């Protein structure tokens, strides 16, 4: 099973808009995981390609990357409870 990402110009995520033009929406992942668990019980779920993209910069802004990953990891943990 896969989930396709779709958006319109009026959509906004629950978090900061990241440079690769996809909204940051950890709550959306949490809702999807909870729906799949409620609907299909304990099926294996693999989350792939969930990283923080940014334009090439000489230095890495780890604060934004850490905040991005913390949101998604936290939402995943909440969905598992």
PDB file of N, CA and C in Angstrom:
ATOM      1  N   UNK A   1       0.846  -1.168   0.000  1.00  0.00           N
ATOM      2  CA  UNK A   1       0.000   0.000   0.000  1.00  0.00           C
ATOM      3  C   UNK A   1       0.887   1.224   0.000  1.00  0.00           C
ATOM      4  N   UNK A   2       0.484   2.210  -0.713  1.00  0.00           N
ATOM      5  CA  UNK A   2       1.232   3.468  -0.712  1.00  0.00           C
ATOM      6  C   UNK A   2       0.269   4.637  -0.590  1.00  0.00           C
ATOM      7  N   UNK A   3       0.777   5.738  -0.086  1.00  0.00           N
ATOM      8  CA  UNK A   3      -0.010   6.967   0.005  1.00  0.00           C
ATOM      9  C   UNK A   3       0.614   7.975  -0.948  1.00  0.00           C
ATOM     10  N   UNK A   4      -0.193   8.554  -1.796  1.00  0.00           N
ATOM     11  CA  UNK A   4       0.294   9.528  -2.759  1.00  0.00           C
ATOM     12  C   UNK A   4       0.155  10.926  -2.180  1.00  0.00           C
ATOM     13  N   UNK A   5       1.188  11.710  -2.320  1.00  0.00           N
ATOM     14  CA  UNK A   5       1.168  13.082  -1.828  1.00  0.00           C
ATOM     15  C   UNK A   5       0.498  13.968  -2.867  1.00  0.00           C
ATOM     16  N   UNK A   6      -0.492  14.704  -2.444  1.00  0.00           N
ATOM     17  CA  UNK A   6      -1.161  15.668  -3.319  1.00  0.00           C
ATOM     18  C   UNK A   6      -1.386  16.955  -2.546  1.00  0.00           C
ATOM     19  N   UNK A   7      -1.384  18.060  -3.279  1.00  0.00           N
ATOM     20  CA  UNK A   7      -1.655  19.340  -2.635  1.00  0.00           C
ATOM     21  C   UNK A   7      -2.135  20.334  -3.677  1.00  0.00           C
ATOM     22  N   UNK A   8      -2.722  21.407  -3.198  1.00  0.00           N
ATOM     23  CA  UNK A   8      -3.097  22.504  -4.078  1.00  0.00           C
ATOM     24  C   UNK A   8      -2.443  23.769  -3.543  1.00  0.00           C
ATOM     25  N   UNK A   9      -2.549  24.841  -4.284  1.00  0.00           N
ATOM     26  CA  UNK A   9      -1.882  26.065  -3.839  1.00  0.00           C
ATOM     27  C   UNK A   9      -2.474  26.606  -2.544  1.00  0.00           C
ATOM     28  N   UNK A  10      -3.661  26.166  -2.134  1.00  0.00           N
ATOM     29  CA  UNK A  10      -4.287  26.645  -0.902  1.00  0.00           C
ATOM     30  C   UNK A  10      -4.006  25.747   0.295  1.00  0.00           C
ATOM     31  N   UNK A  11      -3.374  24.591   0.071  1.00  0.00           N
ATOM     32  CA  UNK A  11      -3.066  23.679   1.169  1.00  0.00           C
ATOM     33  C   UNK A  11      -1.921  24.231   2.002  1.00  0.00           C
ATOM     34  N   UNK A  12      -1.956  23.918   3.274  1.00  0.00           N
ATOM     35  CA  UNK A  12      -0.825  24.238   4.135  1.00  0.00           C
ATOM     36  C   UNK A  12      -0.669  23.102   5.125  1.00  0.00           C
ATOM     37  N   UNK A  13       0.566  22.778   5.455  1.00  0.00           N
ATOM     38  CA  UNK A  13       0.837  21.730   6.423  1.00  0.00           C
ATOM     39  C   UNK A  13       0.699  22.269   7.831  1.00  0.00           C
ATOM     40  N   UNK A  14       0.930  21.403   8.804  1.00  0.00           N
ATOM     41  CA  UNK A  14       0.837  21.839  10.188  1.00  0.00           C
ATOM     42  C   UNK A  14       2.154  22.414  10.681  1.00  0.00           C
ATOM     43  N   UNK A  15       3.207  22.325   9.865  1.00  0.00           N
ATOM     44  CA  UNK A  15       4.513  22.835  10.256  1.00  0.00           C
ATOM     45  C   UNK A  15       5.091  23.757   9.209  1.00  0.00           C
ATOM     46  N   UNK A  16       6.385  24.001   9.324  1.00  0.00           N
ATOM     47  CA  UNK A  16       7.100  24.902   8.421  1.00  0.00           C
ATOM     48  C   UNK A  16       7.123  24.327   7.001  1.00  0.00           C
ATOM     49  N   UNK A  17       7.110  25.204   6.016  1.00  0.00           N
ATOM     50  CA  UNK A  17       7.182  24.779   4.616  1.00  0.00           C
ATOM     51  C   UNK A  17       8.643  24.564   4.265  1.00  0.00           C
ATOM     52  N   UNK A  18       9.029  23.350   3.872  1.00  0.00           N
ATOM     53  CA  UNK A  18      10.430  23.050   3.602  1.00  0.00           C
ATOM     54  C   UNK A  18      10.789  23.391   2.162  1.00  0.00           C
ATOM     55  N   UNK A  19      12.068  23.563   1.866  1.00  0.00           N
ATOM     56  CA  UNK A  19      12.491  24.083   0.568  1.00  0.00           C
ATOM     57  C   UNK A  19      12.094  23.267  -0.661  1.00  0.00           C
ATOM     58  N   UNK A  20      11.807  22.004  -0.549  1.00  0.00           N
ATOM     59  CA  UNK A  20      11.481  21.223  -1.740  1.00  0.00           C
ATOM     60  C   UNK A  20       9.998  21.310  -2.066  1.00  0.00           C
ATOM     61  N   UNK A  21       9.328  22.318  -1.534  1.00  0.00           N
ATOM     62  CA  UNK A  21       7.927  22.621  -1.844  1.00  0.00           C
ATOM     63  C   UNK A  21       6.937  21.549  -1.420  1.00  0.00           C
ATOM     64  N   UNK A  22       7.197  20.915  -0.317  1.00  0.00           N
ATOM     65  CA  UNK A  22       6.233  19.980   0.257  1.00  0.00           C
ATOM     66  C   UNK A  22       5.972  20.428   1.692  1.00  0.00           C
ATOM     67  N   UNK A  23       4.711  20.511   2.101  1.00  0.00           N
ATOM     68  CA  UNK A  23       4.434  20.963   3.465  1.00  0.00           C
ATOM     69  C   UNK A  23       4.908  19.956   4.498  1.00  0.00           C
ATOM     70  N   UNK A  24       5.347  20.455   5.612  1.00  0.00           N
ATOM     71  CA  UNK A  24       5.770  19.640   6.740  1.00  0.00           C
ATOM     72  C   UNK A  24       4.521  19.309   7.543  1.00  0.00           C
ATOM     73  N   UNK A  25       4.123  18.046   7.593  1.00  0.00           N
ATOM     74  CA  UNK A  25       2.850  17.676   8.225  1.00  0.00           C
ATOM     75  C   UNK A  25       2.970  16.399   9.053  1.00  0.00           C
ATOM     76  N   UNK A  26       3.690  16.445  10.198  1.00  0.00           N
ATOM     77  CA  UNK A  26       3.824  15.257  11.030  1.00  0.00           C
ATOM     78  C   UNK A  26       2.478  14.736  11.534  1.00  0.00           C
ATOM     79  N   UNK A  27       1.537  15.626  11.790  1.00  0.00           N
ATOM     80  CA  UNK A  27       0.217  15.202  12.256  1.00  0.00           C
ATOM     81  C   UNK A  27      -0.491  14.376  11.178  1.00  0.00           C
ATOM     82  N   UNK A  28      -0.250  14.694   9.910  1.00  0.00           N
ATOM     83  CA  UNK A  28      -0.821  13.914   8.815  1.00  0.00           C
ATOM     84  C   UNK A  28      -0.305  12.489   8.819  1.00  0.00           C
ATOM     85  N   UNK A  29       1.000  12.308   9.088  1.00  0.00           N
ATOM     86  CA  UNK A  29       1.568  10.959   9.189  1.00  0.00           C
ATOM     87  C   UNK A  29       0.944  10.221  10.360  1.00  0.00           C
ATOM     88  N   UNK A  30       0.791  10.905  11.491  1.00  0.00           N
ATOM     89  CA  UNK A  30       0.182  10.280  12.666  1.00  0.00           C
ATOM     90  C   UNK A  30      -1.238   9.818  12.362  1.00  0.00           C
ATOM     91  N   UNK A  31      -2.028  10.652  11.726  1.00  0.00           N
ATOM     92  CA  UNK A  31      -3.410  10.284  11.379  1.00  0.00           C
ATOM     93  C   UNK A  31      -3.440   9.100  10.422  1.00  0.00           C
ATOM     94  N   UNK A  32      -2.530   9.088   9.442  1.00  0.00           N
ATOM     95  CA  UNK A  32      -2.468   7.982   8.492  1.00  0.00           C
ATOM     96  C   UNK A  32      -2.101   6.678   9.199  1.00  0.00           C
ATOM     97  N   UNK A  33      -1.108   6.727  10.078  1.00  0.00           N
ATOM     98  CA  UNK A  33      -0.700   5.525  10.806  1.00  0.00           C
ATOM     99  C   UNK A  33      -1.814   5.018  11.715  1.00  0.00           C
ATOM    100  N   UNK A  34      -2.512   5.934  12.391  1.00  0.00           N
ATOM    101  CA  UNK A  34      -3.619   5.525  13.257  1.00  0.00           C
ATOM    102  C   UNK A  34      -4.754   4.926  12.443  1.00  0.00           C
ATOM    103  N   UNK A  35      -5.060   5.498  11.289  1.00  0.00           N
ATOM    104  CA  UNK A  35      -6.102   4.961  10.420  1.00  0.00           C
ATOM    105  C   UNK A  35      -5.739   3.548   9.964  1.00  0.00           C
ATOM    106  N   UNK A  36      -4.504   3.365   9.506  1.00  0.00           N
ATOM    107  CA  UNK A  36      -4.086   2.041   9.036  1.00  0.00           C
ATOM    108  C   UNK A  36      -4.132   1.011  10.154  1.00  0.00           C
ATOM    109  N   UNK A  37      -3.710   1.399  11.354  1.00  0.00           N
ATOM    110  CA  UNK A  37      -3.741   0.484  12.495  1.00  0.00           C
ATOM    111  C   UNK A  37      -5.174   0.146  12.889  1.00  0.00           C
ATOM    112  N   UNK A  38      -6.045   1.137  12.929  1.00  0.00           N
ATOM    113  CA  UNK A  38      -7.445   0.895  13.292  1.00  0.00           C
ATOM    114  C   UNK A  38      -8.162   0.051  12.243  1.00  0.00           C
ATOM    115  N   UNK A  39      -7.843   0.266  10.985  1.00  0.00           N
ATOM    116  CA  UNK A  39      -8.540  -0.413   9.898  1.00  0.00           C
ATOM    117  C   UNK A  39      -8.007  -1.814   9.645  1.00  0.00           C
ATOM    118  N   UNK A  40      -6.681  -1.979   9.695  1.00  0.00           N
ATOM    119  CA  UNK A  40      -6.069  -3.252   9.306  1.00  0.00           C
ATOM    120  C   UNK A  40      -5.366  -3.964  10.455  1.00  0.00           C
ATOM    121  N   UNK A  41      -5.544  -3.516  11.663  1.00  0.00           N
ATOM    122  CA  UNK A  41      -4.936  -4.078  12.871  1.00  0.00           C
ATOM    123  C   UNK A  41      -3.415  -3.952  12.816  1.00  0.00           C
ATOM    124  N   UNK A  42      -2.686  -5.010  13.046  1.00  0.00           N
ATOM    125  CA  UNK A  42      -1.227  -4.919  13.192  1.00  0.00           C
ATOM    126  C   UNK A  42      -0.477  -5.311  11.921  1.00  0.00           C
ATOM    127  N   UNK A  43      -0.733  -4.623  10.822  1.00  0.00           N
ATOM    128  CA  UNK A  43      -0.005  -4.912   9.590  1.00  0.00           C
ATOM    129  C   UNK A  43       1.361  -4.229   9.636  1.00  0.00           C
ATOM    130  N   UNK A  44       2.353  -4.780   8.966  1.00  0.00           N
ATOM    131  CA  UNK A  44       3.644  -4.084   8.910  1.00  0.00           C
ATOM    132  C   UNK A  44       3.522  -2.808   8.073  1.00  0.00           C
ATOM    133  N   UNK A  45       4.082  -1.734   8.565  1.00  0.00           N
ATOM    134  CA  UNK A  45       4.050  -0.446   7.863  1.00  0.00           C
ATOM    135  C   UNK A  45       5.486   0.059   7.751  1.00  0.00           C
ATOM    136  N   UNK A  46       5.869   0.453   6.556  1.00  0.00           N
ATOM    137  CA  UNK A  46       7.206   0.983   6.305  1.00  0.00           C
ATOM    138  C   UNK A  46       7.083   2.428   5.818  1.00  0.00           C
ATOM    139  N   UNK A  47       7.727   3.331   6.519  1.00  0.00           N
ATOM    140  CA  UNK A  47       7.751   4.733   6.098  1.00  0.00           C
ATOM    141  C   UNK A  47       9.097   4.954   5.410  1.00  0.00           C
ATOM    142  N   UNK A  48       9.049   5.334   4.139  1.00  0.00           N
ATOM    143  CA  UNK A  48      10.276   5.526   3.366  1.00  0.00           C
ATOM    144  C   UNK A  48      10.346   6.948   2.826  1.00  0.00           C
ATOM    145  N   UNK A  49      11.546   7.363   2.518  1.00  0.00           N
ATOM    146  CA  UNK A  49      11.771   8.667   1.886  1.00  0.00           C
ATOM    147  C   UNK A  49      11.207   9.815   2.712  1.00  0.00           C
ATOM    148  N   UNK A  50      11.501   9.818   3.993  1.00  0.00           N
ATOM    149  CA  UNK A  50      11.041  10.903   4.846  1.00  0.00           C
ATOM    150  C   UNK A  50      12.264  11.614   5.420  1.00  0.00           C
ATOM    151  N   UNK A  51      12.812  12.534   4.647  1.00  0.00           N
ATOM    152  CA  UNK A  51      13.976  13.282   5.090  1.00  0.00           C
ATOM    153  C   UNK A  51      13.768  14.764   4.886  1.00  0.00           C
ATOM    154  N   UNK A  52      14.682  15.528   5.396  1.00  0.00           N
ATOM    155  CA  UNK A  52      14.598  16.982   5.291  1.00  0.00           C
ATOM    156  C   UNK A  52      15.426  17.439   4.104  1.00  0.00           C
ATOM    157  N   UNK A  53      14.782  17.907   3.066  1.00  0.00           N
ATOM    158  CA  UNK A  53      15.493  18.392   1.887  1.00  0.00           C
ATOM    159  C   UNK A  53      15.756  19.879   2.005  1.00  0.00           C
ATOM    160  N   UNK A  54      16.902  20.285   1.545  1.00  0.00           N
ATOM    161  CA  UNK A  54      17.183  21.711   1.517  1.00  0.00           C
ATOM    162  C   UNK A  54      18.124  22.001   0.366  1.00  0.00           C
ATOM    163  N   UNK A  55      18.114  23.245  -0.079  1.00  0.00           N
ATOM    164  CA  UNK A  55      18.998  23.647  -1.156  1.00  0.00           C
ATOM    165  C   UNK A  55      20.447  23.538  -0.699  1.00  0.00           C
ATOM    166  N   UNK A  56      21.357  23.413  -1.647  1.00  0.00           N
ATOM    167  CA  UNK A  56      22.773  23.296  -1.321  1.00  0.00           C
ATOM    168  C   UNK A  56      23.254  24.558  -0.618  1.00  0.00           C
ATOM    169  N   UNK A  57      23.760  24.337   0.575  1.00  0.00           N
ATOM    170  CA  UNK A  57      24.308  25.426   1.384  1.00  0.00           C
ATOM    171  C   UNK A  57      25.634  24.915   1.945  1.00  0.00           C
ATOM    172  N   UNK A  58      26.620  25.786   2.073  1.00  0.00           N
ATOM    173  CA  UNK A  58      27.917  25.350   2.594  1.00  0.00           C
ATOM    174  C   UNK A  58      27.825  24.817   4.017  1.00  0.00           C
ATOM    175  N   UNK A  59      26.918  25.350   4.812  1.00  0.00           N
ATOM    176  CA  UNK A  59      26.750  24.867   6.180  1.00  0.00           C
ATOM    177  C   UNK A  59      25.381  24.213   6.320  1.00  0.00           C
ATOM    178  N   UNK A  60      25.287  23.305   7.248  1.00  0.00           N
ATOM    179  CA  UNK A  60      24.030  22.596   7.483  1.00  0.00           C
ATOM    180  C   UNK A  60      23.311  23.249   8.654  1.00  0.00           C
ATOM    181  N   UNK A  61      22.040  23.587   8.459  1.00  0.00           N
ATOM    182  CA  UNK A  61      21.238  24.155   9.534  1.00  0.00           C
ATOM    183  C   UNK A  61      20.592  23.001  10.282  1.00  0.00           C
ATOM    184  N   UNK A  62      21.304  22.453  11.248  1.00  0.00           N
ATOM    185  CA  UNK A  62      20.829  21.269  11.952  1.00  0.00           C
ATOM    186  C   UNK A  62      19.589  21.536  12.785  1.00  0.00           C
ATOM    187  N   UNK A  63      19.379  22.771  13.213  1.00  0.00           N
ATOM    188  CA  UNK A  63      18.204  23.066  14.029  1.00  0.00           C
ATOM    189  C   UNK A  63      16.920  22.733  13.264  1.00  0.00           C
ATOM    190  N   UNK A  64      16.810  23.177  12.021  1.00  0.00           N
ATOM    191  CA  UNK A  64      15.610  22.882  11.232  1.00  0.00           C
ATOM    192  C   UNK A  64      15.468  21.396  10.955  1.00  0.00           C
ATOM    193  N   UNK A  65      16.581  20.732  10.666  1.00  0.00           N
ATOM    194  CA  UNK A  65      16.552  19.298  10.391  1.00  0.00           C
ATOM    195  C   UNK A  65      16.114  18.516  11.636  1.00  0.00           C
ATOM    196  N   UNK A  66      16.667  18.881  12.781  1.00  0.00           N
ATOM    197  CA  UNK A  66      16.310  18.210  14.037  1.00  0.00           C
ATOM    198  C   UNK A  66      14.838  18.437  14.365  1.00  0.00           C
ATOM    199  N   UNK A  67      14.371  19.661  14.189  1.00  0.00           N
ATOM    200  CA  UNK A  67      12.960  19.971  14.451  1.00  0.00           C
ATOM    201  C   UNK A  67      12.040  19.172  13.523  1.00  0.00           C
ATOM    202  N   UNK A  68      12.412  19.082  12.248  1.00  0.00           N
ATOM    203  CA  UNK A  68      11.635  18.333  11.255  1.00  0.00           C
ATOM    204  C   UNK A  68      11.541  16.855  11.643  1.00  0.00           C
ATOM    205  N   UNK A  69      12.695  16.235  11.899  1.00  0.00           N
ATOM    206  CA  UNK A  69      12.704  14.809  12.238  1.00  0.00           C
ATOM    207  C   UNK A  69      12.038  14.544  13.582  1.00  0.00           C
ATOM    208  N   UNK A  70      12.224  15.433  14.548  1.00  0.00           N
ATOM    209  CA  UNK A  70      11.576  15.264  15.856  1.00  0.00           C
ATOM    210  C   UNK A  70      10.062  15.250  15.724  1.00  0.00           C
ATOM    211  N   UNK A  71       9.534  16.105  14.867  1.00  0.00           N
ATOM    212  CA  UNK A  71       8.085  16.135  14.653  1.00  0.00           C
ATOM    213  C   UNK A  71       7.565  14.819  14.110  1.00  0.00           C
ATOM    214  N   UNK A  72       8.245  14.274  13.101  1.00  0.00           N
ATOM    215  CA  UNK A  72       7.797  13.019  12.493  1.00  0.00           C
ATOM    216  C   UNK A  72       8.026  11.819  13.405  1.00  0.00           C
ATOM    217  N   UNK A  73       9.159  11.784  14.099  1.00  0.00           N
ATOM    218  CA  UNK A  73       9.410  10.682  15.032  1.00  0.00           C
ATOM    219  C   UNK A  73       8.409  10.742  16.182  1.00  0.00           C
ATOM    220  N   UNK A  74       8.135  11.942  16.701  1.00  0.00           N
ATOM    221  CA  UNK A  74       7.148  12.090  17.772  1.00  0.00           C
ATOM    222  C   UNK A  74       5.758  11.667  17.342  1.00  0.00           C
ATOM    223  N   UNK A  75       5.358  12.037  16.134  1.00  0.00           N
ATOM    224  CA  UNK A  75       4.042  11.642  15.625  1.00  0.00           C
ATOM    225  C   UNK A  75       3.947  10.135  15.439  1.00  0.00           C
ATOM    226  N   UNK A  76       5.035   9.524  14.978  1.00  0.00           N
ATOM    227  CA  UNK A  76       5.055   8.073  14.811  1.00  0.00           C
ATOM    228  C   UNK A  76       4.927   7.384  16.164  1.00  0.00           C
ATOM    229  N   UNK A  77       5.657   7.862  17.159  1.00  0.00           N
ATOM    230  CA  UNK A  77       5.563   7.268  18.497  1.00  0.00           C
ATOM    231  C   UNK A  77       4.165   7.433  19.087  1.00  0.00           C
ATOM    232  N   UNK A  78       3.558   8.586  18.891  1.00  0.00           N
ATOM    233  CA  UNK A  78       2.194   8.813  19.381  1.00  0.00           C
ATOM    234  C   UNK A  78       1.221   7.855  18.713  1.00  0.00           C
ATOM    235  N   UNK A  79       1.389   7.621  17.423  1.00  0.00           N
ATOM    236  CA  UNK A  79       0.496   6.710  16.695  1.00  0.00           C
ATOM    237  C   UNK A  79       0.659   5.270  17.170  1.00  0.00           C
ATOM    238  N   UNK A  80       1.842   4.909  17.654  1.00  0.00           N
ATOM    239  CA  UNK A  80       2.086   3.540  18.120  1.00  0.00           C
ATOM    240  C   UNK A  80       1.475   3.262  19.487  1.00  0.00           C
ATOM    241  N   UNK A  81       1.160   4.299  20.247  1.00  0.00           N
ATOM    242  CA  UNK A  81       0.625   4.108  21.607  1.00  0.00           C
ATOM    243  C   UNK A  81      -0.812   3.676  21.596  1.00  0.00           C
TER     244      UNK A  81
END
